[in-house]
């Protein structure tokens, strides 16, 4: 893999990738980990998302879900419904805490950003 991180700070590299996710699209913790060359560290991507609230510039953590499109990080937002509300503002429908038409909204950083 040819990705060269801008910094040695894993969380900062995660934040940089998440900031590139376009409005109306989502990706998974695992896809970000693979893009960063650390495919087995999806849990650490989740920890980065938990730590991202209040970071400047803003990190759109609501656009990162699990590999099945489930809003597994919703408990780490200011309210239990905020993650879903933010997705709905971007025209992403959610049913039973899972993104409707997940494949349609899925953004793969490896395909979209290349290496």
PDB file of N, CA and C in Angstrom:
ATOM      1  N   UNK A   1       0.833  -1.174   0.000  1.00  0.00           N
ATOM      2  CA  UNK A   1       0.000   0.000   0.000  1.00  0.00           C
ATOM      3  C   UNK A   1       0.881   1.242   0.000  1.00  0.00           C
ATOM      4  N   UNK A   2       0.473   2.244  -0.722  1.00  0.00           N
ATOM      5  CA  UNK A   2       1.295   3.423  -0.915  1.00  0.00           C
ATOM      6  C   UNK A   2       0.937   4.608  -0.026  1.00  0.00           C
ATOM      7  N   UNK A   3      -0.027   4.468   0.859  1.00  0.00           N
ATOM      8  CA  UNK A   3      -0.450   5.607   1.670  1.00  0.00           C
ATOM      9  C   UNK A   3       0.657   6.037   2.609  1.00  0.00           C
ATOM     10  N   UNK A   4       0.943   7.327   2.632  1.00  0.00           N
ATOM     11  CA  UNK A   4       1.916   7.877   3.554  1.00  0.00           C
ATOM     12  C   UNK A   4       1.188   8.854   4.477  1.00  0.00           C
ATOM     13  N   UNK A   5       1.073   8.510   5.750  1.00  0.00           N
ATOM     14  CA  UNK A   5       0.377   9.403   6.674  1.00  0.00           C
ATOM     15  C   UNK A   5       1.078  10.754   6.781  1.00  0.00           C
ATOM     16  N   UNK A   6       0.289  11.791   7.044  1.00  0.00           N
ATOM     17  CA  UNK A   6       0.844  13.129   7.206  1.00  0.00           C
ATOM     18  C   UNK A   6       1.550  13.275   8.546  1.00  0.00           C
ATOM     19  N   UNK A   7       1.192  12.446   9.497  1.00  0.00           N
ATOM     20  CA  UNK A   7       1.717  12.525  10.851  1.00  0.00           C
ATOM     21  C   UNK A   7       1.807  11.127  11.437  1.00  0.00           C
ATOM     22  N   UNK A   8       2.499  10.993  12.531  1.00  0.00           N
ATOM     23  CA  UNK A   8       2.564   9.701  13.212  1.00  0.00           C
ATOM     24  C   UNK A   8       1.390   9.516  14.163  1.00  0.00           C
ATOM     25  N   UNK A   9       0.573  10.540  14.326  1.00  0.00           N
ATOM     26  CA  UNK A   9      -0.579  10.500  15.212  1.00  0.00           C
ATOM     27  C   UNK A   9      -1.734   9.802  14.501  1.00  0.00           C
ATOM     28  N   UNK A  10      -2.045   8.582  14.921  1.00  0.00           N
ATOM     29  CA  UNK A  10      -3.087   7.785  14.272  1.00  0.00           C
ATOM     30  C   UNK A  10      -4.430   8.500  14.273  1.00  0.00           C
ATOM     31  N   UNK A  11      -4.818   9.061  15.416  1.00  0.00           N
ATOM     32  CA  UNK A  11      -6.105   9.745  15.500  1.00  0.00           C
ATOM     33  C   UNK A  11      -6.166  10.900  14.503  1.00  0.00           C
ATOM     34  N   UNK A  12      -5.096  11.667  14.397  1.00  0.00           N
ATOM     35  CA  UNK A  12      -5.086  12.795  13.458  1.00  0.00           C
ATOM     36  C   UNK A  12      -5.245  12.299  12.020  1.00  0.00           C
ATOM     37  N   UNK A  13      -4.610  11.198  11.685  1.00  0.00           N
ATOM     38  CA  UNK A  13      -4.752  10.634  10.343  1.00  0.00           C
ATOM     39  C   UNK A  13      -6.192  10.185  10.091  1.00  0.00           C
ATOM     40  N   UNK A  14      -6.821   9.594  11.098  1.00  0.00           N
ATOM     41  CA  UNK A  14      -8.232   9.212  10.977  1.00  0.00           C
ATOM     42  C   UNK A  14      -9.083  10.454  10.749  1.00  0.00           C
ATOM     43  N   UNK A  15      -8.852  11.496  11.545  1.00  0.00           N
ATOM     44  CA  UNK A  15      -9.625  12.729  11.404  1.00  0.00           C
ATOM     45  C   UNK A  15      -9.477  13.297   9.996  1.00  0.00           C
ATOM     46  N   UNK A  16      -8.265  13.267   9.456  1.00  0.00           N
ATOM     47  CA  UNK A  16      -8.023  13.793   8.103  1.00  0.00           C
ATOM     48  C   UNK A  16      -8.849  13.048   7.063  1.00  0.00           C
ATOM     49  N   UNK A  17      -8.906  11.722   7.176  1.00  0.00           N
ATOM     50  CA  UNK A  17      -9.683  10.923   6.222  1.00  0.00           C
ATOM     51  C   UNK A  17     -11.179  11.205   6.385  1.00  0.00           C
ATOM     52  N   UNK A  18     -11.657  11.240   7.608  1.00  0.00           N
ATOM     53  CA  UNK A  18     -13.089  11.451   7.856  1.00  0.00           C
ATOM     54  C   UNK A  18     -13.527  12.813   7.318  1.00  0.00           C
ATOM     55  N   UNK A  19     -12.665  13.798   7.400  1.00  0.00           N
ATOM     56  CA  UNK A  19     -13.012  15.119   6.860  1.00  0.00           C
ATOM     57  C   UNK A  19     -13.183  15.102   5.339  1.00  0.00           C
ATOM     58  N   UNK A  20     -12.691  14.083   4.684  1.00  0.00           N
ATOM     59  CA  UNK A  20     -12.799  13.972   3.223  1.00  0.00           C
ATOM     60  C   UNK A  20     -14.081  13.273   2.765  1.00  0.00           C
ATOM     61  N   UNK A  21     -14.816  12.663   3.693  1.00  0.00           N
ATOM     62  CA  UNK A  21     -16.060  11.978   3.326  1.00  0.00           C
ATOM     63  C   UNK A  21     -17.064  13.039   2.887  1.00  0.00           C
ATOM     64  N   UNK A  22     -17.569  12.944   1.666  1.00  0.00           N
ATOM     65  CA  UNK A  22     -18.530  13.951   1.194  1.00  0.00           C
ATOM     66  C   UNK A  22     -19.858  13.895   1.940  1.00  0.00           C
ATOM     67  N   UNK A  23     -20.544  15.015   2.000  1.00  0.00           N
ATOM     68  CA  UNK A  23     -21.890  15.044   2.577  1.00  0.00           C
ATOM     69  C   UNK A  23     -22.767  14.060   1.811  1.00  0.00           C
ATOM     70  N   UNK A  24     -23.624  13.361   2.545  1.00  0.00           N
ATOM     71  CA  UNK A  24     -24.510  12.392   1.916  1.00  0.00           C
ATOM     72  C   UNK A  24     -23.881  11.035   1.680  1.00  0.00           C
ATOM     73  N   UNK A  25     -22.666  10.853   2.174  1.00  0.00           N
ATOM     74  CA  UNK A  25     -21.966   9.569   2.031  1.00  0.00           C
ATOM     75  C   UNK A  25     -21.495   9.111   3.410  1.00  0.00           C
ATOM     76  N   UNK A  26     -21.237   7.828   3.545  1.00  0.00           N
ATOM     77  CA  UNK A  26     -20.740   7.251   4.787  1.00  0.00           C
ATOM     78  C   UNK A  26     -19.663   6.229   4.473  1.00  0.00           C
ATOM     79  N   UNK A  27     -18.873   5.925   5.462  1.00  0.00           N
ATOM     80  CA  UNK A  27     -17.886   4.863   5.330  1.00  0.00           C
ATOM     81  C   UNK A  27     -17.850   4.073   6.626  1.00  0.00           C
ATOM     82  N   UNK A  28     -16.998   3.065   6.672  1.00  0.00           N
ATOM     83  CA  UNK A  28     -16.922   2.217   7.856  1.00  0.00           C
ATOM     84  C   UNK A  28     -15.587   2.402   8.568  1.00  0.00           C
ATOM     85  N   UNK A  29     -15.588   1.991   9.817  1.00  0.00           N
ATOM     86  CA  UNK A  29     -14.358   2.040  10.611  1.00  0.00           C
ATOM     87  C   UNK A  29     -13.266   1.224   9.916  1.00  0.00           C
ATOM     88  N   UNK A  30     -13.645   0.045   9.443  1.00  0.00           N
ATOM     89  CA  UNK A  30     -12.687  -0.842   8.789  1.00  0.00           C
ATOM     90  C   UNK A  30     -12.124  -0.273   7.500  1.00  0.00           C
ATOM     91  N   UNK A  31     -12.958   0.416   6.724  1.00  0.00           N
ATOM     92  CA  UNK A  31     -12.488   1.007   5.465  1.00  0.00           C
ATOM     93  C   UNK A  31     -11.436   2.084   5.741  1.00  0.00           C
ATOM     94  N   UNK A  32     -11.639   2.851   6.786  1.00  0.00           N
ATOM     95  CA  UNK A  32     -10.654   3.875   7.146  1.00  0.00           C
ATOM     96  C   UNK A  32      -9.361   3.210   7.602  1.00  0.00           C
ATOM     97  N   UNK A  33      -9.485   2.182   8.431  1.00  0.00           N
ATOM     98  CA  UNK A  33      -8.303   1.460   8.903  1.00  0.00           C
ATOM     99  C   UNK A  33      -7.515   0.883   7.730  1.00  0.00           C
ATOM    100  N   UNK A  34      -8.204   0.256   6.774  1.00  0.00           N
ATOM    101  CA  UNK A  34      -7.515  -0.301   5.601  1.00  0.00           C
ATOM    102  C   UNK A  34      -6.830   0.790   4.797  1.00  0.00           C
ATOM    103  N   UNK A  35      -7.508   1.915   4.621  1.00  0.00           N
ATOM    104  CA  UNK A  35      -6.916   3.010   3.866  1.00  0.00           C
ATOM    105  C   UNK A  35      -5.631   3.501   4.529  1.00  0.00           C
ATOM    106  N   UNK A  36      -5.622   3.512   5.845  1.00  0.00           N
ATOM    107  CA  UNK A  36      -4.436   3.971   6.577  1.00  0.00           C
ATOM    108  C   UNK A  36      -3.356   2.903   6.668  1.00  0.00           C
ATOM    109  N   UNK A  37      -3.633   1.722   6.093  1.00  0.00           N
ATOM    110  CA  UNK A  37      -2.635   0.655   6.089  1.00  0.00           C
ATOM    111  C   UNK A  37      -2.605  -0.146   7.374  1.00  0.00           C
ATOM    112  N   UNK A  38      -3.666  -0.025   8.175  1.00  0.00           N
ATOM    113  CA  UNK A  38      -3.752  -0.736   9.446  1.00  0.00           C
ATOM    114  C   UNK A  38      -5.086  -1.466   9.517  1.00  0.00           C
ATOM    115  N   UNK A  39      -5.311  -2.350   8.589  1.00  0.00           N
ATOM    116  CA  UNK A  39      -6.602  -3.007   8.407  1.00  0.00           C
ATOM    117  C   UNK A  39      -7.195  -3.673   9.624  1.00  0.00           C
ATOM    118  N   UNK A  40      -6.390  -3.999  10.601  1.00  0.00           N
ATOM    119  CA  UNK A  40      -6.914  -4.679  11.786  1.00  0.00           C
ATOM    120  C   UNK A  40      -7.191  -3.702  12.933  1.00  0.00           C
ATOM    121  N   UNK A  41      -7.197  -2.420  12.634  1.00  0.00           N
ATOM    122  CA  UNK A  41      -7.359  -1.441  13.711  1.00  0.00           C
ATOM    123  C   UNK A  41      -8.676  -0.667  13.629  1.00  0.00           C
ATOM    124  N   UNK A  42      -9.723  -1.313  13.135  1.00  0.00           N
ATOM    125  CA  UNK A  42     -11.015  -0.618  13.027  1.00  0.00           C
ATOM    126  C   UNK A  42     -11.516  -0.162  14.397  1.00  0.00           C
ATOM    127  N   UNK A  43     -11.224  -0.916  15.428  1.00  0.00           N
ATOM    128  CA  UNK A  43     -11.644  -0.514  16.778  1.00  0.00           C
ATOM    129  C   UNK A  43     -10.962   0.793  17.187  1.00  0.00           C
ATOM    130  N   UNK A  44      -9.709   0.949  16.805  1.00  0.00           N
ATOM    131  CA  UNK A  44      -8.999   2.200  17.115  1.00  0.00           C
ATOM    132  C   UNK A  44      -9.598   3.376  16.339  1.00  0.00           C
ATOM    133  N   UNK A  45     -10.084   3.116  15.133  1.00  0.00           N
ATOM    134  CA  UNK A  45     -10.781   4.167  14.380  1.00  0.00           C
ATOM    135  C   UNK A  45     -12.026   4.591  15.160  1.00  0.00           C
ATOM    136  N   UNK A  46     -12.710   3.624  15.733  1.00  0.00           N
ATOM    137  CA  UNK A  46     -13.872   3.928  16.573  1.00  0.00           C
ATOM    138  C   UNK A  46     -13.489   4.779  17.774  1.00  0.00           C
ATOM    139  N   UNK A  47     -12.363   4.472  18.388  1.00  0.00           N
ATOM    140  CA  UNK A  47     -11.905   5.271  19.528  1.00  0.00           C
ATOM    141  C   UNK A  47     -11.590   6.699  19.080  1.00  0.00           C
ATOM    142  N   UNK A  48     -11.021   6.813  17.887  1.00  0.00           N
ATOM    143  CA  UNK A  48     -10.743   8.154  17.350  1.00  0.00           C
ATOM    144  C   UNK A  48     -12.043   8.921  17.141  1.00  0.00           C
ATOM    145  N   UNK A  49     -13.067   8.244  16.635  1.00  0.00           N
ATOM    146  CA  UNK A  49     -14.352   8.916  16.434  1.00  0.00           C
ATOM    147  C   UNK A  49     -14.938   9.355  17.780  1.00  0.00           C
ATOM    148  N   UNK A  50     -14.791   8.524  18.803  1.00  0.00           N
ATOM    149  CA  UNK A  50     -15.282   8.886  20.133  1.00  0.00           C
ATOM    150  C   UNK A  50     -14.569  10.125  20.669  1.00  0.00           C
ATOM    151  N   UNK A  51     -13.309  10.297  20.289  1.00  0.00           N
ATOM    152  CA  UNK A  51     -12.505  11.423  20.766  1.00  0.00           C
ATOM    153  C   UNK A  51     -12.604  12.651  19.862  1.00  0.00           C
ATOM    154  N   UNK A  52     -13.361  12.562  18.787  1.00  0.00           N
ATOM    155  CA  UNK A  52     -13.367  13.623  17.775  1.00  0.00           C
ATOM    156  C   UNK A  52     -14.299  14.791  18.067  1.00  0.00           C
ATOM    157  N   UNK A  53     -15.212  14.606  18.992  1.00  0.00           N
ATOM    158  CA  UNK A  53     -16.191  15.653  19.273  1.00  0.00           C
ATOM    159  C   UNK A  53     -15.493  16.858  19.900  1.00  0.00           C
ATOM    160  N   UNK A  54     -15.667  18.008  19.293  1.00  0.00           N
ATOM    161  CA  UNK A  54     -15.031  19.223  19.783  1.00  0.00           C
ATOM    162  C   UNK A  54     -13.702  19.532  19.127  1.00  0.00           C
ATOM    163  N   UNK A  55     -13.201  18.641  18.279  1.00  0.00           N
ATOM    164  CA  UNK A  55     -11.939  18.862  17.563  1.00  0.00           C
ATOM    165  C   UNK A  55     -12.163  19.925  16.482  1.00  0.00           C
ATOM    166  N   UNK A  56     -11.189  20.793  16.287  1.00  0.00           N
ATOM    167  CA  UNK A  56     -11.237  21.797  15.220  1.00  0.00           C
ATOM    168  C   UNK A  56     -10.103  21.508  14.249  1.00  0.00           C
ATOM    169  N   UNK A  57     -10.313  21.585  12.943  1.00  0.00           N
ATOM    170  CA  UNK A  57     -11.618  21.746  12.313  1.00  0.00           C
ATOM    171  C   UNK A  57     -12.503  20.531  12.583  1.00  0.00           C
ATOM    172  N   UNK A  58     -13.791  20.744  12.440  1.00  0.00           N
ATOM    173  CA  UNK A  58     -14.795  19.736  12.772  1.00  0.00           C
ATOM    174  C   UNK A  58     -14.549  18.406  12.051  1.00  0.00           C
ATOM    175  N   UNK A  59     -14.827  17.330  12.756  1.00  0.00           N
ATOM    176  CA  UNK A  59     -14.723  15.970  12.204  1.00  0.00           C
ATOM    177  C   UNK A  59     -16.147  15.419  12.100  1.00  0.00           C
ATOM    178  N   UNK A  60     -16.639  15.119  10.881  1.00  0.00           N
ATOM    179  CA  UNK A  60     -18.013  14.620  10.726  1.00  0.00           C
ATOM    180  C   UNK A  60     -18.136  13.133  11.101  1.00  0.00           C
ATOM    181  N   UNK A  61     -17.991  12.853  12.387  1.00  0.00           N
ATOM    182  CA  UNK A  61     -17.985  11.478  12.883  1.00  0.00           C
ATOM    183  C   UNK A  61     -19.286  10.739  12.585  1.00  0.00           C
ATOM    184  N   UNK A  62     -20.377  11.474  12.356  1.00  0.00           N
ATOM    185  CA  UNK A  62     -21.654  10.820  12.061  1.00  0.00           C
ATOM    186  C   UNK A  62     -21.616  10.064  10.742  1.00  0.00           C
ATOM    187  N   UNK A  63     -20.620  10.315   9.912  1.00  0.00           N
ATOM    188  CA  UNK A  63     -20.503   9.643   8.611  1.00  0.00           C
ATOM    189  C   UNK A  63     -19.724   8.332   8.693  1.00  0.00           C
ATOM    190  N   UNK A  64     -19.357   7.908   9.895  1.00  0.00           N
ATOM    191  CA  UNK A  64     -18.603   6.658  10.066  1.00  0.00           C
ATOM    192  C   UNK A  64     -19.473   5.684  10.847  1.00  0.00           C
ATOM    193  N   UNK A  65     -19.720   4.533  10.236  1.00  0.00           N
ATOM    194  CA  UNK A  65     -20.606   3.509  10.798  1.00  0.00           C
ATOM    195  C   UNK A  65     -19.903   2.156  10.742  1.00  0.00           C
ATOM    196  N   UNK A  66     -20.569   1.126  11.230  1.00  0.00           N
ATOM    197  CA  UNK A  66     -19.921  -0.188  11.149  1.00  0.00           C
ATOM    198  C   UNK A  66     -20.070  -0.778   9.745  1.00  0.00           C
ATOM    199  N   UNK A  67     -19.479  -1.913   9.507  1.00  0.00           N
ATOM    200  CA  UNK A  67     -19.425  -2.497   8.155  1.00  0.00           C
ATOM    201  C   UNK A  67     -20.792  -2.873   7.596  1.00  0.00           C
ATOM    202  N   UNK A  68     -21.804  -2.931   8.460  1.00  0.00           N
ATOM    203  CA  UNK A  68     -23.159  -3.248   8.023  1.00  0.00           C
ATOM    204  C   UNK A  68     -24.046  -2.013   7.922  1.00  0.00           C
ATOM    205  N   UNK A  69     -23.472  -0.845   8.164  1.00  0.00           N
ATOM    206  CA  UNK A  69     -24.244   0.387   8.101  1.00  0.00           C
ATOM    207  C   UNK A  69     -24.973   0.739   9.382  1.00  0.00           C
ATOM    208  N   UNK A  70     -24.634   0.074  10.468  1.00  0.00           N
ATOM    209  CA  UNK A  70     -25.288   0.348  11.750  1.00  0.00           C
ATOM    210  C   UNK A  70     -24.629   1.533  12.461  1.00  0.00           C
ATOM    211  N   UNK A  71     -25.444   2.316  13.154  1.00  0.00           N
ATOM    212  CA  UNK A  71     -24.970   3.493  13.873  1.00  0.00           C
ATOM    213  C   UNK A  71     -24.415   3.095  15.239  1.00  0.00           C
ATOM    214  N   UNK A  72     -23.363   2.324  15.230  1.00  0.00           N
ATOM    215  CA  UNK A  72     -22.815   1.784  16.473  1.00  0.00           C
ATOM    216  C   UNK A  72     -22.159   2.853  17.336  1.00  0.00           C
ATOM    217  N   UNK A  73     -21.817   4.003  16.775  1.00  0.00           N
ATOM    218  CA  UNK A  73     -21.184   5.064  17.549  1.00  0.00           C
ATOM    219  C   UNK A  73     -22.146   6.080  18.119  1.00  0.00           C
ATOM    220  N   UNK A  74     -23.429   5.857  17.968  1.00  0.00           N
ATOM    221  CA  UNK A  74     -24.431   6.863  18.353  1.00  0.00           C
ATOM    222  C   UNK A  74     -24.390   7.226  19.827  1.00  0.00           C
ATOM    223  N   UNK A  75     -23.978   6.320  20.673  1.00  0.00           N
ATOM    224  CA  UNK A  75     -23.943   6.585  22.116  1.00  0.00           C
ATOM    225  C   UNK A  75     -22.908   7.635  22.492  1.00  0.00           C
ATOM    226  N   UNK A  76     -21.998   7.918  21.590  1.00  0.00           N
ATOM    227  CA  UNK A  76     -20.923   8.862  21.892  1.00  0.00           C
ATOM    228  C   UNK A  76     -21.220  10.279  21.403  1.00  0.00           C
ATOM    229  N   UNK A  77     -22.436  10.506  20.940  1.00  0.00           N
ATOM    230  CA  UNK A  77     -22.860  11.843  20.536  1.00  0.00           C
ATOM    231  C   UNK A  77     -23.567  12.506  21.707  1.00  0.00           C
ATOM    232  N   UNK A  78     -23.774  13.804  21.608  1.00  0.00           N
ATOM    233  CA  UNK A  78     -24.368  14.571  22.715  1.00  0.00           C
ATOM    234  C   UNK A  78     -25.732  14.031  23.138  1.00  0.00           C
ATOM    235  N   UNK A  79     -26.507  13.527  22.188  1.00  0.00           N
ATOM    236  CA  UNK A  79     -27.789  12.894  22.500  1.00  0.00           C
ATOM    237  C   UNK A  79     -27.849  11.566  21.749  1.00  0.00           C
ATOM    238  N   UNK A  80     -28.670  10.638  22.200  1.00  0.00           N
ATOM    239  CA  UNK A  80     -28.753   9.328  21.534  1.00  0.00           C
ATOM    240  C   UNK A  80     -29.256   9.386  20.094  1.00  0.00           C
ATOM    241  N   UNK A  81     -29.908  10.483  19.703  1.00  0.00           N
ATOM    242  CA  UNK A  81     -30.462  10.579  18.353  1.00  0.00           C
ATOM    243  C   UNK A  81     -29.680  11.521  17.439  1.00  0.00           C
ATOM    244  N   UNK A  82     -28.657  12.188  17.963  1.00  0.00           N
ATOM    245  CA  UNK A  82     -27.952  13.197  17.175  1.00  0.00           C
ATOM    246  C   UNK A  82     -27.287  12.626  15.925  1.00  0.00           C
ATOM    247  N   UNK A  83     -26.667  11.469  16.017  1.00  0.00           N
ATOM    248  CA  UNK A  83     -26.008  10.876  14.853  1.00  0.00           C
ATOM    249  C   UNK A  83     -27.017  10.671  13.720  1.00  0.00           C
ATOM    250  N   UNK A  84     -28.165  10.107  14.040  1.00  0.00           N
ATOM    251  CA  UNK A  84     -29.207   9.880  13.043  1.00  0.00           C
ATOM    252  C   UNK A  84     -29.733  11.208  12.499  1.00  0.00           C
ATOM    253  N   UNK A  85     -29.923  12.188  13.353  1.00  0.00           N
ATOM    254  CA  UNK A  85     -30.412  13.498  12.917  1.00  0.00           C
ATOM    255  C   UNK A  85     -29.451  14.142  11.921  1.00  0.00           C
ATOM    256  N   UNK A  86     -28.149  14.045  12.191  1.00  0.00           N
ATOM    257  CA  UNK A  86     -27.149  14.615  11.289  1.00  0.00           C
ATOM    258  C   UNK A  86     -27.160  13.897   9.937  1.00  0.00           C
ATOM    259  N   UNK A  87     -27.320  12.584   9.953  1.00  0.00           N
ATOM    260  CA  UNK A  87     -27.400  11.829   8.705  1.00  0.00           C
ATOM    261  C   UNK A  87     -28.658  12.205   7.922  1.00  0.00           C
ATOM    262  N   UNK A  88     -29.769  12.345   8.607  1.00  0.00           N
ATOM    263  CA  UNK A  88     -31.017  12.727   7.945  1.00  0.00           C
ATOM    264  C   UNK A  88     -30.896  14.095   7.280  1.00  0.00           C
ATOM    265  N   UNK A  89     -30.168  15.028   7.896  1.00  0.00           N
ATOM    266  CA  UNK A  89     -29.935  16.347   7.294  1.00  0.00           C
ATOM    267  C   UNK A  89     -29.195  16.228   5.970  1.00  0.00           C
ATOM    268  N   UNK A  90     -28.441  15.135   5.817  1.00  0.00           N
ATOM    269  CA  UNK A  90     -27.680  14.899   4.592  1.00  0.00           C
ATOM    270  C   UNK A  90     -28.421  13.942   3.656  1.00  0.00           C
ATOM    271  N   UNK A  91     -29.698  13.761   3.889  1.00  0.00           N
ATOM    272  CA  UNK A  91     -30.575  12.929   3.049  1.00  0.00           C
ATOM    273  C   UNK A  91     -30.233  11.441   3.117  1.00  0.00           C
ATOM    274  N   UNK A  92     -29.680  11.012   4.240  1.00  0.00           N
ATOM    275  CA  UNK A  92     -29.395   9.593   4.457  1.00  0.00           C
ATOM    276  C   UNK A  92     -30.445   9.067   5.424  1.00  0.00           C
ATOM    277  N   UNK A  93     -31.265   8.145   4.948  1.00  0.00           N
ATOM    278  CA  UNK A  93     -32.327   7.582   5.774  1.00  0.00           C
ATOM    279  C   UNK A  93     -31.776   6.476   6.668  1.00  0.00           C
ATOM    280  N   UNK A  94     -32.345   6.406   7.861  1.00  0.00           N
ATOM    281  CA  UNK A  94     -31.947   5.401   8.838  1.00  0.00           C
ATOM    282  C   UNK A  94     -33.200   4.703   9.340  1.00  0.00           C
ATOM    283  N   UNK A  95     -33.134   3.387   9.393  1.00  0.00           N
ATOM    284  CA  UNK A  95     -34.250   2.596   9.930  1.00  0.00           C
ATOM    285  C   UNK A  95     -33.662   1.544  10.866  1.00  0.00           C
ATOM    286  N   UNK A  96     -34.213   1.454  12.051  1.00  0.00           N
ATOM    287  CA  UNK A  96     -33.722   0.496  13.053  1.00  0.00           C
ATOM    288  C   UNK A  96     -32.218   0.649  13.286  1.00  0.00           C
ATOM    289  N   UNK A  97     -31.795   1.913  13.366  1.00  0.00           N
ATOM    290  CA  UNK A  97     -30.397   2.259  13.637  1.00  0.00           C
ATOM    291  C   UNK A  97     -29.425   1.765  12.566  1.00  0.00           C
ATOM    292  N   UNK A  98     -29.931   1.562  11.345  1.00  0.00           N
ATOM    293  CA  UNK A  98     -29.112   1.109  10.225  1.00  0.00           C
ATOM    294  C   UNK A  98     -29.414   1.974   9.003  1.00  0.00           C
ATOM    295  N   UNK A  99     -28.389   2.306   8.256  1.00  0.00           N
ATOM    296  CA  UNK A  99     -28.562   3.143   7.075  1.00  0.00           C
ATOM    297  C   UNK A  99     -29.317   2.380   5.998  1.00  0.00           C
ATOM    298  N   UNK A 100     -30.364   3.010   5.474  1.00  0.00           N
ATOM    299  CA  UNK A 100     -31.152   2.443   4.379  1.00  0.00           C
ATOM    300  C   UNK A 100     -30.336   2.614   3.093  1.00  0.00           C
ATOM    301  N   UNK A 101     -30.283   1.580   2.273  1.00  0.00           N
ATOM    302  CA  UNK A 101     -29.492   1.597   1.034  1.00  0.00           C
ATOM    303  C   UNK A 101     -28.023   1.916   1.318  1.00  0.00           C
ATOM    304  N   UNK A 102     -27.471   1.217   2.288  1.00  0.00           N
ATOM    305  CA  UNK A 102     -26.083   1.447   2.713  1.00  0.00           C
ATOM    306  C   UNK A 102     -25.113   1.429   1.540  1.00  0.00           C
ATOM    307  N   UNK A 103     -25.250   0.474   0.645  1.00  0.00           N
ATOM    308  CA  UNK A 103     -24.322   0.359  -0.492  1.00  0.00           C
ATOM    309  C   UNK A 103     -24.351   1.609  -1.370  1.00  0.00           C
ATOM    310  N   UNK A 104     -25.518   2.210  -1.507  1.00  0.00           N
ATOM    311  CA  UNK A 104     -25.682   3.414  -2.325  1.00  0.00           C
ATOM    312  C   UNK A 104     -24.921   4.606  -1.724  1.00  0.00           C
ATOM    313  N   UNK A 105     -24.866   4.674  -0.414  1.00  0.00           N
ATOM    314  CA  UNK A 105     -24.231   5.799   0.279  1.00  0.00           C
ATOM    315  C   UNK A 105     -22.785   5.530   0.661  1.00  0.00           C
ATOM    316  N   UNK A 106     -22.336   4.280   0.480  1.00  0.00           N
ATOM    317  CA  UNK A 106     -21.009   3.876   0.944  1.00  0.00           C
ATOM    318  C   UNK A 106     -19.895   4.558   0.150  1.00  0.00           C
ATOM    319  N   UNK A 107     -18.954   5.096   0.870  1.00  0.00           N
ATOM    320  CA  UNK A 107     -17.792   5.781   0.311  1.00  0.00           C
ATOM    321  C   UNK A 107     -16.554   5.016   0.756  1.00  0.00           C
ATOM    322  N   UNK A 108     -15.839   4.434  -0.189  1.00  0.00           N
ATOM    323  CA  UNK A 108     -14.642   3.654   0.115  1.00  0.00           C
ATOM    324  C   UNK A 108     -13.421   4.530  -0.139  1.00  0.00           C
ATOM    325  N   UNK A 109     -12.686   4.903   0.908  1.00  0.00           N
ATOM    326  CA  UNK A 109     -11.551   5.798   0.701  1.00  0.00           C
ATOM    327  C   UNK A 109     -10.482   5.237  -0.252  1.00  0.00           C
ATOM    328  N   UNK A 110     -10.315   3.937  -0.277  1.00  0.00           N
ATOM    329  CA  UNK A 110      -9.319   3.359  -1.183  1.00  0.00           C
ATOM    330  C   UNK A 110      -9.728   3.610  -2.627  1.00  0.00           C
ATOM    331  N   UNK A 111     -11.009   3.405  -2.944  1.00  0.00           N
ATOM    332  CA  UNK A 111     -11.485   3.635  -4.320  1.00  0.00           C
ATOM    333  C   UNK A 111     -11.581   5.121  -4.638  1.00  0.00           C
ATOM    334  N   UNK A 112     -12.067   5.920  -3.683  1.00  0.00           N
ATOM    335  CA  UNK A 112     -12.304   7.332  -3.924  1.00  0.00           C
ATOM    336  C   UNK A 112     -11.047   8.182  -3.882  1.00  0.00           C
ATOM    337  N   UNK A 113     -10.128   7.840  -2.995  1.00  0.00           N
ATOM    338  CA  UNK A 113      -8.909   8.641  -2.857  1.00  0.00           C
ATOM    339  C   UNK A 113      -7.710   7.995  -3.505  1.00  0.00           C
ATOM    340  N   UNK A 114      -7.808   6.692  -3.746  1.00  0.00           N
ATOM    341  CA  UNK A 114      -6.695   5.975  -4.350  1.00  0.00           C
ATOM    342  C   UNK A 114      -5.514   5.879  -3.393  1.00  0.00           C
ATOM    343  N   UNK A 115      -4.465   5.308  -3.901  1.00  0.00           N
ATOM    344  CA  UNK A 115      -3.242   5.211  -3.136  1.00  0.00           C
ATOM    345  C   UNK A 115      -2.210   5.866  -3.963  1.00  0.00           C
TER     346      UNK A 115
END
